[in-house]
Amino acid sequence: MEAVAARAGVGKATVYRRWPSKVPLVVEALRAAGEERVAVPASGSVEADLHQLLTDLIRAVSGPDSVLRPLVTEAWREPQLGEAFRQELVQHRRSVVRDVLEQGQRRGELRGDLDLETAVDAVVAVVYYRLLVSGAPLGTDVARCLVDQLLRGMRPRAGPHAGC
């Protein structure tokens, strides 16, 4: 709260009058961030669109101003914050990935029997795993390599097979 007050150029009492604790402050910040909608890429290629989404995600979460790590930690400790995090950020970003995958299905670039929820998870899982668990680098080649490997499993296949 002290840092927020300093950045806003006001006293801590002013911040506390509006937000009685850090949870309501962060919840409101998440709602404001959620309003900044991520555009759905529409290049006409699922490969290019996924690459763009992942490149943008990697840039956002690994930049010097990223607050994702501490936010995820606090979201587990504070149920109200966790719910706001999931509703305002996670669900919206999932819907953008889902839109890209659905467009790819309509164009015949992806399997029609694709489990979209699992596919959405797969698209972003490596980025979050590296950021939050393994600490492996998120270099510029990660998005390209990930899209290439994912699409091998999502593209239409010849012959019958059972779901996942």
C-alpha atoms as a PDB file:
ATOM      1  CA  MET A   1       0.000   0.000   0.000  1.00  0.00           C
ATOM      2  CA  GLU A   2       2.941   2.256   0.702  1.00  0.00           C
ATOM      3  CA  ALA A   3       4.290   1.771  -2.831  1.00  0.00           C
ATOM      4  CA  VAL A   4       0.845   2.477  -4.335  1.00  0.00           C
ATOM      5  CA  ALA A   5       0.571   5.697  -2.342  1.00  0.00           C
ATOM      6  CA  ALA A   6       4.074   6.775  -3.342  1.00  0.00           C
ATOM      7  CA  ARG A   7       3.460   6.047  -7.027  1.00  0.00           C
ATOM      8  CA  ALA A   8       0.151   7.951  -6.925  1.00  0.00           C
ATOM      9  CA  GLY A   9       1.777  10.858  -5.095  1.00  0.00           C
ATOM     10  CA  VAL A  10      -0.658  10.689  -2.176  1.00  0.00           C
ATOM     11  CA  GLY A  11      -0.502   9.687   1.468  1.00  0.00           C
ATOM     12  CA  LYS A  12      -1.230   6.141   2.627  1.00  0.00           C
ATOM     13  CA  ALA A  13      -4.382   7.382   4.363  1.00  0.00           C
ATOM     14  CA  THR A  14      -5.795   8.405   0.985  1.00  0.00           C
ATOM     15  CA  VAL A  15      -5.191   4.929  -0.408  1.00  0.00           C
ATOM     16  CA  TYR A  16      -6.721   3.267   2.673  1.00  0.00           C
ATOM     17  CA  ARG A  17      -9.851   5.462   2.425  1.00  0.00           C
ATOM     18  CA  ARG A  18     -10.556   3.984  -0.982  1.00  0.00           C
ATOM     19  CA  TRP A  19      -9.260   0.440  -0.397  1.00  0.00           C
ATOM     20  CA  PRO A  20      -9.266  -0.855   3.184  1.00  0.00           C
ATOM     21  CA  SER A  21      -6.648  -3.518   2.350  1.00  0.00           C
ATOM     22  CA  LYS A  22      -4.529  -4.790  -0.516  1.00  0.00           C
ATOM     23  CA  VAL A  23      -7.106  -7.384  -1.635  1.00  0.00           C
ATOM     24  CA  PRO A  24      -9.819  -4.898  -2.733  1.00  0.00           C
ATOM     25  CA  LEU A  25      -7.124  -2.738  -4.350  1.00  0.00           C
ATOM     26  CA  VAL A  26      -5.721  -5.639  -6.373  1.00  0.00           C
ATOM     27  CA  VAL A  27      -9.226  -6.893  -7.249  1.00  0.00           C
ATOM     28  CA  GLU A  28     -10.062  -3.476  -8.699  1.00  0.00           C
ATOM     29  CA  ALA A  29      -6.731  -3.396 -10.562  1.00  0.00           C
ATOM     30  CA  LEU A  30      -7.482  -6.845 -12.007  1.00  0.00           C
ATOM     31  CA  ARG A  31     -10.896  -5.676 -13.164  1.00  0.00           C
ATOM     32  CA  ALA A  32      -9.323  -2.668 -14.847  1.00  0.00           C
ATOM     33  CA  ALA A  33      -6.696  -4.894 -16.480  1.00  0.00           C
ATOM     34  CA  GLY A  34      -9.439  -7.280 -17.605  1.00  0.00           C
ATOM     35  CA  GLU A  35     -11.112  -4.404 -19.415  1.00  0.00           C
ATOM     36  CA  GLU A  36      -8.007  -4.073 -21.584  1.00  0.00           C
ATOM     37  CA  ARG A  37      -9.159  -6.795 -23.913  1.00  0.00           C
ATOM     38  CA  VAL A  38      -6.643  -8.847 -25.800  1.00  0.00           C
ATOM     39  CA  ALA A  39      -7.502  -8.794 -29.490  1.00  0.00           C
ATOM     40  CA  VAL A  40      -8.122 -12.088 -31.233  1.00  0.00           C
ATOM     41  CA  PRO A  41      -5.539 -12.365 -34.016  1.00  0.00           C
ATOM     42  CA  ALA A  42      -7.143 -12.931 -37.395  1.00  0.00           C
ATOM     43  CA  SER A  43      -4.368 -13.606 -39.893  1.00  0.00           C
ATOM     44  CA  GLY A  44      -6.278 -16.475 -41.488  1.00  0.00           C
ATOM     45  CA  SER A  45      -3.735 -18.998 -40.193  1.00  0.00           C
ATOM     46  CA  VAL A  46      -4.067 -20.816 -36.877  1.00  0.00           C
ATOM     47  CA  GLU A  47      -0.290 -21.232 -36.797  1.00  0.00           C
ATOM     48  CA  ALA A  48       0.369 -17.489 -37.197  1.00  0.00           C
ATOM     49  CA  ASP A  49      -2.393 -16.568 -34.733  1.00  0.00           C
ATOM     50  CA  LEU A  50      -1.144 -18.951 -32.036  1.00  0.00           C
ATOM     51  CA  HIS A  51       2.407 -17.755 -32.572  1.00  0.00           C
ATOM     52  CA  GLN A  52       1.271 -14.149 -32.123  1.00  0.00           C
ATOM     53  CA  LEU A  53      -0.719 -14.971 -28.973  1.00  0.00           C
ATOM     54  CA  LEU A  54       2.189 -16.862 -27.410  1.00  0.00           C
ATOM     55  CA  THR A  55       4.762 -14.233 -28.355  1.00  0.00           C
ATOM     56  CA  ASP A  56       2.587 -11.544 -26.760  1.00  0.00           C
ATOM     57  CA  LEU A  57       1.984 -13.703 -23.660  1.00  0.00           C
ATOM     58  CA  ILE A  58       5.684 -14.456 -23.206  1.00  0.00           C
ATOM     59  CA  ARG A  59       6.511 -10.759 -23.559  1.00  0.00           C
ATOM     60  CA  ALA A  60       3.832  -9.802 -21.010  1.00  0.00           C
ATOM     61  CA  VAL A  61       4.637 -12.383 -18.330  1.00  0.00           C
ATOM     62  CA  SER A  62       8.414 -12.290 -18.556  1.00  0.00           C
ATOM     63  CA  GLY A  63       8.881  -8.538 -18.778  1.00  0.00           C
ATOM     64  CA  PRO A  64      10.403  -6.525 -15.944  1.00  0.00           C
ATOM     65  CA  ASP A  65       6.987  -5.144 -14.910  1.00  0.00           C
ATOM     66  CA  SER A  66       5.278  -8.538 -14.720  1.00  0.00           C
ATOM     67  CA  VAL A  67       3.473  -9.159 -11.452  1.00  0.00           C
ATOM     68  CA  LEU A  68       2.234 -12.604 -12.392  1.00  0.00           C
ATOM     69  CA  ARG A  69       4.358 -14.642  -9.963  1.00  0.00           C
ATOM     70  CA  PRO A  70       3.399 -12.723  -6.822  1.00  0.00           C
ATOM     71  CA  LEU A  71      -0.184 -12.410  -8.051  1.00  0.00           C
ATOM     72  CA  VAL A  72      -0.546 -16.167  -8.485  1.00  0.00           C
ATOM     73  CA  THR A  73       0.936 -16.736  -5.027  1.00  0.00           C
ATOM     74  CA  GLU A  74      -1.472 -14.275  -3.419  1.00  0.00           C
ATOM     75  CA  ALA A  75      -4.420 -15.638  -5.427  1.00  0.00           C
ATOM     76  CA  TRP A  76      -3.969 -18.980  -3.656  1.00  0.00           C
ATOM     77  CA  ARG A  77      -3.861 -17.312  -0.233  1.00  0.00           C
ATOM     78  CA  GLU A  78      -6.775 -14.930  -0.744  1.00  0.00           C
ATOM     79  CA  PRO A  79      -9.953 -16.534  -2.191  1.00  0.00           C
ATOM     80  CA  GLN A  80     -11.477 -13.173  -3.227  1.00  0.00           C
ATOM     81  CA  LEU A  81      -8.312 -12.255  -5.081  1.00  0.00           C
ATOM     82  CA  GLY A  82      -8.101 -15.712  -6.656  1.00  0.00           C
ATOM     83  CA  GLU A  83     -11.659 -15.472  -7.953  1.00  0.00           C
ATOM     84  CA  ALA A  84     -11.028 -12.008  -9.423  1.00  0.00           C
ATOM     85  CA  PHE A  85      -7.782 -13.246 -11.021  1.00  0.00           C
ATOM     86  CA  ARG A  86      -9.578 -16.172 -12.665  1.00  0.00           C
ATOM     87  CA  GLN A  87     -12.618 -14.138 -13.778  1.00  0.00           C
ATOM     88  CA  GLU A  88     -10.922 -10.960 -14.932  1.00  0.00           C
ATOM     89  CA  LEU A  89      -7.711 -12.271 -16.484  1.00  0.00           C
ATOM     90  CA  VAL A  90      -7.609 -16.029 -16.907  1.00  0.00           C
ATOM     91  CA  GLN A  91     -11.078 -16.605 -18.353  1.00  0.00           C
ATOM     92  CA  HIS A  92     -10.793 -13.786 -20.851  1.00  0.00           C
ATOM     93  CA  ARG A  93      -7.414 -14.886 -22.102  1.00  0.00           C
ATOM     94  CA  ARG A  94      -8.675 -18.483 -22.352  1.00  0.00           C
ATOM     95  CA  SER A  95     -11.573 -17.282 -24.490  1.00  0.00           C
ATOM     96  CA  VAL A  96      -9.152 -15.576 -26.896  1.00  0.00           C
ATOM     97  CA  VAL A  97      -7.150 -18.800 -27.330  1.00  0.00           C
ATOM     98  CA  ARG A  98     -10.407 -20.743 -27.710  1.00  0.00           C
ATOM     99  CA  ASP A  99     -11.571 -18.330 -30.456  1.00  0.00           C
ATOM    100  CA  VAL A 100      -8.328 -18.866 -32.379  1.00  0.00           C
ATOM    101  CA  LEU A 101      -8.665 -22.638 -32.103  1.00  0.00           C
ATOM    102  CA  GLU A 102     -12.340 -22.590 -33.132  1.00  0.00           C
ATOM    103  CA  GLN A 103     -11.470 -20.483 -36.181  1.00  0.00           C
ATOM    104  CA  GLY A 104      -8.772 -23.012 -37.025  1.00  0.00           C
ATOM    105  CA  GLN A 105     -11.350 -25.816 -36.767  1.00  0.00           C
ATOM    106  CA  ARG A 106     -13.796 -23.965 -39.039  1.00  0.00           C
ATOM    107  CA  ARG A 107     -11.068 -23.510 -41.656  1.00  0.00           C
ATOM    108  CA  GLY A 108     -10.155 -27.213 -41.421  1.00  0.00           C
ATOM    109  CA  GLU A 109      -6.681 -26.506 -40.023  1.00  0.00           C
ATOM    110  CA  LEU A 110      -7.424 -28.363 -36.782  1.00  0.00           C
ATOM    111  CA  ARG A 111      -9.164 -31.624 -35.977  1.00  0.00           C
ATOM    112  CA  GLY A 112     -12.916 -31.412 -35.628  1.00  0.00           C
ATOM    113  CA  ASP A 113     -12.869 -33.723 -32.588  1.00  0.00           C
ATOM    114  CA  LEU A 114     -10.359 -31.574 -30.712  1.00  0.00           C
ATOM    115  CA  ASP A 115     -11.103 -31.273 -26.981  1.00  0.00           C
ATOM    116  CA  LEU A 116     -10.999 -27.465 -26.930  1.00  0.00           C
ATOM    117  CA  GLU A 117     -10.624 -27.059 -23.165  1.00  0.00           C
ATOM    118  CA  THR A 118      -7.578 -29.320 -23.091  1.00  0.00           C
ATOM    119  CA  ALA A 119      -6.193 -27.665 -26.221  1.00  0.00           C
ATOM    120  CA  VAL A 120      -6.533 -24.201 -24.636  1.00  0.00           C
ATOM    121  CA  ASP A 121      -4.641 -25.462 -21.588  1.00  0.00           C
ATOM    122  CA  ALA A 122      -1.947 -26.963 -23.811  1.00  0.00           C
ATOM    123  CA  VAL A 123      -1.385 -23.714 -25.709  1.00  0.00           C
ATOM    124  CA  VAL A 124      -0.407 -21.742 -22.599  1.00  0.00           C
ATOM    125  CA  ALA A 125       0.751 -24.488 -20.222  1.00  0.00           C
ATOM    126  CA  VAL A 126       4.437 -24.465 -21.178  1.00  0.00           C
ATOM    127  CA  VAL A 127       4.692 -20.701 -20.724  1.00  0.00           C
ATOM    128  CA  TYR A 128       3.183 -20.780 -17.236  1.00  0.00           C
ATOM    129  CA  TYR A 129       5.082 -23.927 -16.259  1.00  0.00           C
ATOM    130  CA  ARG A 130       8.391 -22.338 -17.187  1.00  0.00           C
ATOM    131  CA  LEU A 131       7.496 -19.068 -15.510  1.00  0.00           C
ATOM    132  CA  LEU A 132       6.060 -20.458 -12.266  1.00  0.00           C
ATOM    133  CA  VAL A 133       7.617 -23.903 -11.772  1.00  0.00           C
ATOM    134  CA  SER A 134      10.758 -24.841 -13.694  1.00  0.00           C
ATOM    135  CA  GLY A 135      12.327 -21.429 -14.211  1.00  0.00           C
ATOM    136  CA  ALA A 136      13.426 -22.510 -17.705  1.00  0.00           C
ATOM    137  CA  PRO A 137      13.999 -19.613 -20.087  1.00  0.00           C
ATOM    138  CA  LEU A 138      11.187 -18.087 -22.094  1.00  0.00           C
ATOM    139  CA  GLY A 139      13.254 -17.035 -25.072  1.00  0.00           C
ATOM    140  CA  THR A 140      11.955 -15.925 -28.423  1.00  0.00           C
ATOM    141  CA  ASP A 141      12.128 -19.449 -29.852  1.00  0.00           C
ATOM    142  CA  VAL A 142       9.677 -20.904 -27.300  1.00  0.00           C
ATOM    143  CA  ALA A 143       6.561 -19.625 -29.083  1.00  0.00           C
ATOM    144  CA  ARG A 144       7.668 -20.949 -32.483  1.00  0.00           C
ATOM    145  CA  CYS A 145       8.726 -24.347 -31.137  1.00  0.00           C
ATOM    146  CA  LEU A 146       5.598 -24.721 -29.007  1.00  0.00           C
ATOM    147  CA  VAL A 147       3.212 -23.871 -31.846  1.00  0.00           C
ATOM    148  CA  ASP A 148       4.989 -26.298 -34.166  1.00  0.00           C
ATOM    149  CA  GLN A 149       4.790 -29.153 -31.650  1.00  0.00           C
ATOM    150  CA  LEU A 150       1.192 -28.447 -30.638  1.00  0.00           C
ATOM    151  CA  LEU A 151      -0.100 -28.289 -34.182  1.00  0.00           C
ATOM    152  CA  ARG A 152       1.327 -31.696 -35.021  1.00  0.00           C
ATOM    153  CA  GLY A 153      -1.155 -33.165 -32.535  1.00  0.00           C
ATOM    154  CA  MET A 154      -4.078 -30.882 -33.374  1.00  0.00           C
ATOM    155  CA  ARG A 155      -4.105 -31.131 -37.151  1.00  0.00           C
ATOM    156  CA  PRO A 156      -6.623 -33.370 -38.890  1.00  0.00           C
ATOM    157  CA  ARG A 157      -5.564 -36.998 -39.163  1.00  0.00           C
ATOM    158  CA  ALA A 158      -6.376 -39.574 -41.794  1.00  0.00           C
ATOM    159  CA  GLY A 159      -8.489 -42.505 -40.613  1.00  0.00           C
ATOM    160  CA  PRO A 160     -10.597 -43.109 -37.508  1.00  0.00           C
ATOM    161  CA  HIS A 161      -9.355 -42.736 -33.937  1.00  0.00           C
ATOM    162  CA  ALA A 162     -10.853 -42.136 -30.544  1.00  0.00           C
ATOM    163  CA  GLY A 163     -10.783 -38.569 -29.121  1.00  0.00           C
ATOM    164  CA  CYS A 164      -7.770 -37.822 -26.924  1.00  0.00           C
END
